PDB file of N, CA and C in Angstrom:
ATOM      1  N   UNK A   1       0.040  20.427   8.604  1.00  0.00           N
ATOM      2  CA  UNK A   1       0.664  21.366   7.638  1.00  0.00           C
ATOM      3  C   UNK A   1       2.038  21.229   7.032  1.00  0.00           C
ATOM      4  N   UNK A   2       3.080  21.073   6.673  1.00  0.00           N
ATOM      5  CA  UNK A   2       4.369  21.290   6.208  1.00  0.00           C
ATOM      6  C   UNK A   2       4.547  22.705   6.224  1.00  0.00           C
ATOM      7  N   UNK A   3       5.463  23.223   6.953  1.00  0.00           N
ATOM      8  CA  UNK A   3       5.727  24.741   6.659  1.00  0.00           C
ATOM      9  C   UNK A   3       6.835  24.475   5.892  1.00  0.00           C
ATOM     10  N   UNK A   4       7.890  23.552   6.397  1.00  0.00           N
ATOM     11  CA  UNK A   4       9.138  23.589   5.515  1.00  0.00           C
ATOM     12  C   UNK A   4       9.185  23.037   4.111  1.00  0.00           C
ATOM     13  N   UNK A   5       9.080  23.893   3.156  1.00  0.00           N
ATOM     14  CA  UNK A   5       8.863  23.297   1.899  1.00  0.00           C
ATOM     15  C   UNK A   5       9.660  24.127   0.964  1.00  0.00           C
ATOM     16  N   UNK A   6      10.093  23.720   0.064  1.00  0.00           N
ATOM     17  CA  UNK A   6      10.787  24.333  -1.545  1.00  0.00           C
ATOM     18  C   UNK A   6       9.582  26.028  -1.685  1.00  0.00           C
ATOM     19  N   UNK A   7       8.547  25.814  -1.484  1.00  0.00           N
ATOM     20  CA  UNK A   7       8.195  27.153  -1.888  1.00  0.00           C
ATOM     21  C   UNK A   7       8.568  28.619  -0.797  1.00  0.00           C
ATOM     22  N   UNK A   8       7.763  27.804   0.561  1.00  0.00           N
ATOM     23  CA  UNK A   8       8.209  28.612   1.403  1.00  0.00           C
ATOM     24  C   UNK A   8       9.758  29.103   1.738  1.00  0.00           C
ATOM     25  N   UNK A   9      10.414  28.010   1.573  1.00  0.00           N
ATOM     26  CA  UNK A   9      12.039  28.531   2.037  1.00  0.00           C
ATOM     27  C   UNK A   9      12.082  29.324   0.851  1.00  0.00           C
ATOM     28  N   UNK A  10      12.039  29.208  -0.368  1.00  0.00           N
ATOM     29  CA  UNK A  10      12.167  30.467  -1.487  1.00  0.00           C
ATOM     30  C   UNK A  10      11.616  32.072  -1.003  1.00  0.00           C
ATOM     31  N   UNK A  11      10.557  32.153  -0.539  1.00  0.00           N
ATOM     32  CA  UNK A  11       9.883  33.057  -0.324  1.00  0.00           C
ATOM     33  C   UNK A  11      10.499  34.061   1.180  1.00  0.00           C
ATOM     34  N   UNK A  12      10.865  32.979   2.127  1.00  0.00           N
ATOM     35  CA  UNK A  12      11.454  33.168   3.068  1.00  0.00           C
ATOM     36  C   UNK A  12      13.218  33.774   2.632  1.00  0.00           C
ATOM     37  N   UNK A  13      13.531  33.522   1.922  1.00  0.00           N
ATOM     38  CA  UNK A  13      14.706  33.564   1.429  1.00  0.00           C
ATOM     39  C   UNK A  13      14.971  35.081   0.540  1.00  0.00           C
ATOM     40  N   UNK A  14      14.130  34.985  -0.180  1.00  0.00           N
ATOM     41  CA  UNK A  14      13.516  36.425  -1.017  1.00  0.00           C
ATOM     42  C   UNK A  14      13.263  37.339   0.051  1.00  0.00           C
ATOM     43  N   UNK A  15      12.765  36.946   1.164  1.00  0.00           N
ATOM     44  CA  UNK A  15      12.517  38.042   2.177  1.00  0.00           C
ATOM     45  C   UNK A  15      13.772  38.786   2.839  1.00  0.00           C
ATOM     46  N   UNK A  16      14.792  37.907   2.744  1.00  0.00           N
ATOM     47  CA  UNK A  16      15.933  38.371   3.394  1.00  0.00           C
ATOM     48  C   UNK A  16      16.383  37.560   4.710  1.00  0.00           C
ATOM     49  N   UNK A  17      15.483  36.508   4.990  1.00  0.00           N
ATOM     50  CA  UNK A  17      15.500  36.058   6.370  1.00  0.00           C
ATOM     51  C   UNK A  17      16.119  34.792   6.073  1.00  0.00           C
ATOM     52  N   UNK A  18      17.201  34.407   7.307  1.00  0.00           N
ATOM     53  CA  UNK A  18      17.754  33.166   7.468  1.00  0.00           C
ATOM     54  C   UNK A  18      17.099  32.197   8.098  1.00  0.00           C
ATOM     55  N   UNK A  19      17.552  31.015   7.539  1.00  0.00           N
ATOM     56  CA  UNK A  19      16.597  29.748   7.800  1.00  0.00           C
ATOM     57  C   UNK A  19      17.771  28.675   8.327  1.00  0.00           C
ATOM     58  N   UNK A  20      17.039  28.199   9.582  1.00  0.00           N
ATOM     59  CA  UNK A  20      17.553  26.927  10.253  1.00  0.00           C
ATOM     60  C   UNK A  20      16.730  25.837  10.084  1.00  0.00           C
ATOM     61  N   UNK A  21      17.337  24.504  10.155  1.00  0.00           N
ATOM     62  CA  UNK A  21      16.697  23.155  10.248  1.00  0.00           C
ATOM     63  C   UNK A  21      16.884  22.441  11.207  1.00  0.00           C
ATOM     64  N   UNK A  22      16.174  21.814  11.821  1.00  0.00           N
ATOM     65  CA  UNK A  22      16.523  20.615  12.764  1.00  0.00           C
ATOM     66  C   UNK A  22      15.411  19.978  13.135  1.00  0.00           C
ATOM     67  N   UNK A  23      15.472  18.874  13.398  1.00  0.00           N
ATOM     68  CA  UNK A  23      16.657  17.848  13.808  1.00  0.00           C
ATOM     69  C   UNK A  23      16.394  17.011  12.218  1.00  0.00           C
ATOM     70  N   UNK A  24      17.286  17.280  11.631  1.00  0.00           N
ATOM     71  CA  UNK A  24      17.223  16.035  10.078  1.00  0.00           C
ATOM     72  C   UNK A  24      18.173  14.822  10.618  1.00  0.00           C
ATOM     73  N   UNK A  25      17.563  13.934  10.304  1.00  0.00           N
ATOM     74  CA  UNK A  25      18.024  12.447  11.436  1.00  0.00           C
ATOM     75  C   UNK A  25      18.144  11.598   9.729  1.00  0.00           C
ATOM     76  N   UNK A  26      17.685  11.936   8.537  1.00  0.00           N
ATOM     77  CA  UNK A  26      17.831  11.424   7.469  1.00  0.00           C
ATOM     78  C   UNK A  26      19.073  11.471   6.475  1.00  0.00           C
ATOM     79  N   UNK A  27      19.418  10.689   5.409  1.00  0.00           N
ATOM     80  CA  UNK A  27      20.282  11.450   4.480  1.00  0.00           C
ATOM     81  C   UNK A  27      19.750  12.224   3.777  1.00  0.00           C
ATOM     82  N   UNK A  28      18.385  11.644   2.935  1.00  0.00           N
ATOM     83  CA  UNK A  28      17.618  12.691   2.079  1.00  0.00           C
ATOM     84  C   UNK A  28      17.329  14.257   3.077  1.00  0.00           C
ATOM     85  N   UNK A  29      16.851  13.976   4.207  1.00  0.00           N
ATOM     86  CA  UNK A  29      16.528  15.510   4.863  1.00  0.00           C
ATOM     87  C   UNK A  29      17.823  16.254   4.736  1.00  0.00           C
ATOM     88  N   UNK A  30      19.236  15.961   5.204  1.00  0.00           N
ATOM     89  CA  UNK A  30      20.163  16.591   5.161  1.00  0.00           C
ATOM     90  C   UNK A  30      20.468  16.974   3.845  1.00  0.00           C
ATOM     91  N   UNK A  31      20.438  16.308   2.634  1.00  0.00           N
ATOM     92  CA  UNK A  31      21.041  16.737   1.420  1.00  0.00           C
ATOM     93  C   UNK A  31      19.753  17.494   0.670  1.00  0.00           C
ATOM     94  N   UNK A  32      18.664  17.304   1.260  1.00  0.00           N
ATOM     95  CA  UNK A  32      17.372  18.435   1.103  1.00  0.00           C
ATOM     96  C   UNK A  32      17.930  19.678   1.405  1.00  0.00           C
ATOM     97  N   UNK A  33      18.211  19.689   2.518  1.00  0.00           N
ATOM     98  CA  UNK A  33      18.681  21.309   3.442  1.00  0.00           C
ATOM     99  C   UNK A  33      19.875  21.545   2.735  1.00  0.00           C
ATOM    100  N   UNK A  34      20.950  20.643   2.574  1.00  0.00           N
ATOM    101  CA  UNK A  34      22.267  21.602   2.453  1.00  0.00           C
ATOM    102  C   UNK A  34      21.819  21.877   0.522  1.00  0.00           C
ATOM    103  N   UNK A  35      20.935  21.377  -0.127  1.00  0.00           N
ATOM    104  CA  UNK A  35      20.987  21.749  -1.505  1.00  0.00           C
ATOM    105  C   UNK A  35      20.425  23.477  -1.363  1.00  0.00           C
ATOM    106  N   UNK A  36      19.114  23.550  -0.311  1.00  0.00           N
ATOM    107  CA  UNK A  36      18.701  24.971  -0.082  1.00  0.00           C
ATOM    108  C   UNK A  36      19.670  26.103   0.593  1.00  0.00           C
ATOM    109  N   UNK A  37      20.828  25.759   0.879  1.00  0.00           N
ATOM    110  CA  UNK A  37      21.380  26.665   1.711  1.00  0.00           C
ATOM    111  C   UNK A  37      21.075  27.087   2.658  1.00  0.00           C
ATOM    112  N   UNK A  38      20.526  26.221   3.696  1.00  0.00           N
ATOM    113  CA  UNK A  38      20.271  26.934   4.914  1.00  0.00           C
ATOM    114  C   UNK A  38      21.343  27.433   5.776  1.00  0.00           C
ATOM    115  N   UNK A  39      21.181  28.844   6.819  1.00  0.00           N
ATOM    116  CA  UNK A  39      21.805  29.211   7.673  1.00  0.00           C
ATOM    117  C   UNK A  39      22.497  28.473   8.208  1.00  0.00           C
ATOM    118  N   UNK A  40      21.788  27.305   9.116  1.00  0.00           N
ATOM    119  CA  UNK A  40      22.060  26.425   9.756  1.00  0.00           C
ATOM    120  C   UNK A  40      21.160  25.351  10.102  1.00  0.00           C
ATOM    121  N   UNK A  41      22.059  24.401  10.239  1.00  0.00           N
ATOM    122  CA  UNK A  41      21.117  23.037  10.457  1.00  0.00           C
ATOM    123  C   UNK A  41      21.777  22.117  11.471  1.00  0.00           C
ATOM    124  N   UNK A  42      20.751  21.214  12.034  1.00  0.00           N
ATOM    125  CA  UNK A  42      21.339  20.631  13.265  1.00  0.00           C
ATOM    126  C   UNK A  42      20.895  19.460  12.722  1.00  0.00           C
ATOM    127  N   UNK A  43      21.941  18.341  13.008  1.00  0.00           N
ATOM    128  CA  UNK A  43      21.865  16.758  12.440  1.00  0.00           C
ATOM    129  C   UNK A  43      21.815  15.673  13.190  1.00  0.00           C
ATOM    130  N   UNK A  44      21.912  14.653  12.911  1.00  0.00           N
ATOM    131  CA  UNK A  44      21.888  13.241  13.886  1.00  0.00           C
ATOM    132  C   UNK A  44      21.907  11.984  12.927  1.00  0.00           C
ATOM    133  N   UNK A  45      22.509  11.404  13.452  1.00  0.00           N
ATOM    134  CA  UNK A  45      22.666   9.757  12.802  1.00  0.00           C
ATOM    135  C   UNK A  45      23.335   9.959  11.378  1.00  0.00           C
ATOM    136  N   UNK A  46      22.589   9.491  10.406  1.00  0.00           N
ATOM    137  CA  UNK A  46      22.596   9.583   9.134  1.00  0.00           C
ATOM    138  C   UNK A  46      22.621  11.002   8.424  1.00  0.00           C
ATOM    139  N   UNK A  47      21.555  11.614   9.070  1.00  0.00           N
ATOM    140  CA  UNK A  47      21.939  12.865   8.230  1.00  0.00           C
ATOM    141  C   UNK A  47      23.074  13.817   8.842  1.00  0.00           C
ATOM    142  N   UNK A  48      24.061  13.402   9.558  1.00  0.00           N
ATOM    143  CA  UNK A  48      25.381  14.018  10.326  1.00  0.00           C
ATOM    144  C   UNK A  48      26.104  13.584   9.037  1.00  0.00           C
ATOM    145  N   UNK A  49      25.922  12.663   8.983  1.00  0.00           N
ATOM    146  CA  UNK A  49      27.044  11.500   7.510  1.00  0.00           C
ATOM    147  C   UNK A  49      26.929  12.505   6.499  1.00  0.00           C
ATOM    148  N   UNK A  50      25.666  12.664   5.968  1.00  0.00           N
ATOM    149  CA  UNK A  50      25.295  13.466   4.664  1.00  0.00           C
ATOM    150  C   UNK A  50      25.661  14.998   4.559  1.00  0.00           C
ATOM    151  N   UNK A  51      25.363  15.127   5.778  1.00  0.00           N
ATOM    152  CA  UNK A  51      25.863  16.941   6.321  1.00  0.00           C
ATOM    153  C   UNK A  51      27.643  17.494   5.894  1.00  0.00           C
ATOM    154  N   UNK A  52      27.958  16.251   6.178  1.00  0.00           N
ATOM    155  CA  UNK A  52      29.577  16.822   6.438  1.00  0.00           C
ATOM    156  C   UNK A  52      29.597  15.974   5.385  1.00  0.00           C
ATOM    157  N   UNK A  53      29.336  15.113   4.546  1.00  0.00           N
ATOM    158  CA  UNK A  53      30.219  15.011   3.224  1.00  0.00           C
ATOM    159  C   UNK A  53      29.718  16.366   2.082  1.00  0.00           C
ATOM    160  N   UNK A  54      28.211  16.861   2.514  1.00  0.00           N
ATOM    161  CA  UNK A  54      27.859  18.363   1.368  1.00  0.00           C
ATOM    162  C   UNK A  54      28.848  19.200   1.438  1.00  0.00           C
ATOM    163  N   UNK A  55      29.224  19.191   3.042  1.00  0.00           N
ATOM    164  CA  UNK A  55      29.971  20.636   3.188  1.00  0.00           C
ATOM    165  C   UNK A  55      31.462  20.227   2.946  1.00  0.00           C
ATOM    166  N   UNK A  56      32.144  19.357   2.231  1.00  0.00           N
ATOM    167  CA  UNK A  56      33.430  19.495   2.123  1.00  0.00           C
ATOM    168  C   UNK A  56      33.361  19.705   0.740  1.00  0.00           C
TER     169      UNK A  56
END
Protein backbone atom coordinates (compact mmCIF):
# COMPACT_ATOMS: atom_id res chain seq x y z
CA UNK A 1 0.00 0.00 0.00
CA UNK A 2 1.39 3.36 -1.00
CA UNK A 3 0.55 5.96 1.64
CA UNK A 4 2.39 8.86 0.04
CA UNK A 5 0.01 9.82 -2.74
CA UNK A 6 -1.81 12.98 -3.85
CA UNK A 7 -5.12 12.11 -2.16
CA UNK A 8 -3.58 11.35 1.24
CA UNK A 9 -1.29 14.37 1.12
CA UNK A 10 -4.23 16.66 0.39
CA UNK A 11 -6.21 15.14 3.25
CA UNK A 12 -3.31 15.44 5.71
CA UNK A 13 -2.60 19.06 4.74
CA UNK A 14 -6.29 19.95 5.12
CA UNK A 15 -6.07 18.46 8.64
CA UNK A 16 -3.19 20.87 9.38
CA UNK A 17 -0.42 18.27 9.38
CA UNK A 18 3.10 18.98 8.19
CA UNK A 19 4.51 16.49 5.71
CA UNK A 20 8.09 15.34 5.18
CA UNK A 21 9.35 13.06 2.44
CA UNK A 22 12.53 10.98 2.38
CA UNK A 23 14.71 9.66 0.72
CA UNK A 24 13.86 10.95 -2.74
CA UNK A 25 16.48 9.83 -5.23
CA UNK A 26 14.93 10.59 -8.60
CA UNK A 27 14.34 13.85 -10.42
CA UNK A 28 10.67 12.92 -10.81
CA UNK A 29 10.24 12.15 -7.11
CA UNK A 30 11.85 15.40 -5.99
CA UNK A 31 9.83 17.45 -8.49
CA UNK A 32 6.59 15.76 -7.39
CA UNK A 33 7.33 16.42 -3.72
CA UNK A 34 8.38 20.03 -4.38
CA UNK A 35 5.14 20.69 -6.25
CA UNK A 36 3.17 19.50 -3.21
CA UNK A 37 4.98 21.93 -0.90
CA UNK A 38 6.21 19.46 1.68
CA UNK A 39 7.41 20.89 4.97
CA UNK A 40 10.70 18.99 4.61
CA UNK A 41 12.43 16.84 2.03
CA UNK A 42 15.39 14.51 2.29
CA UNK A 43 16.94 13.99 -1.12
CA UNK A 44 20.07 12.48 -2.61
CA UNK A 45 21.62 11.92 -6.01
CA UNK A 46 19.61 13.28 -8.94
CA UNK A 47 16.79 14.14 -6.54
CA UNK A 48 19.04 16.63 -4.74
CA UNK A 49 19.83 18.43 -7.99
CA UNK A 50 16.13 18.66 -8.87
CA UNK A 51 15.15 19.86 -5.39
CA UNK A 52 17.80 22.59 -5.48
CA UNK A 53 16.58 23.77 -8.87
CA UNK A 54 12.95 23.83 -7.65
CA UNK A 55 13.76 26.07 -4.70
CA UNK A 56 15.59 28.74 -6.71
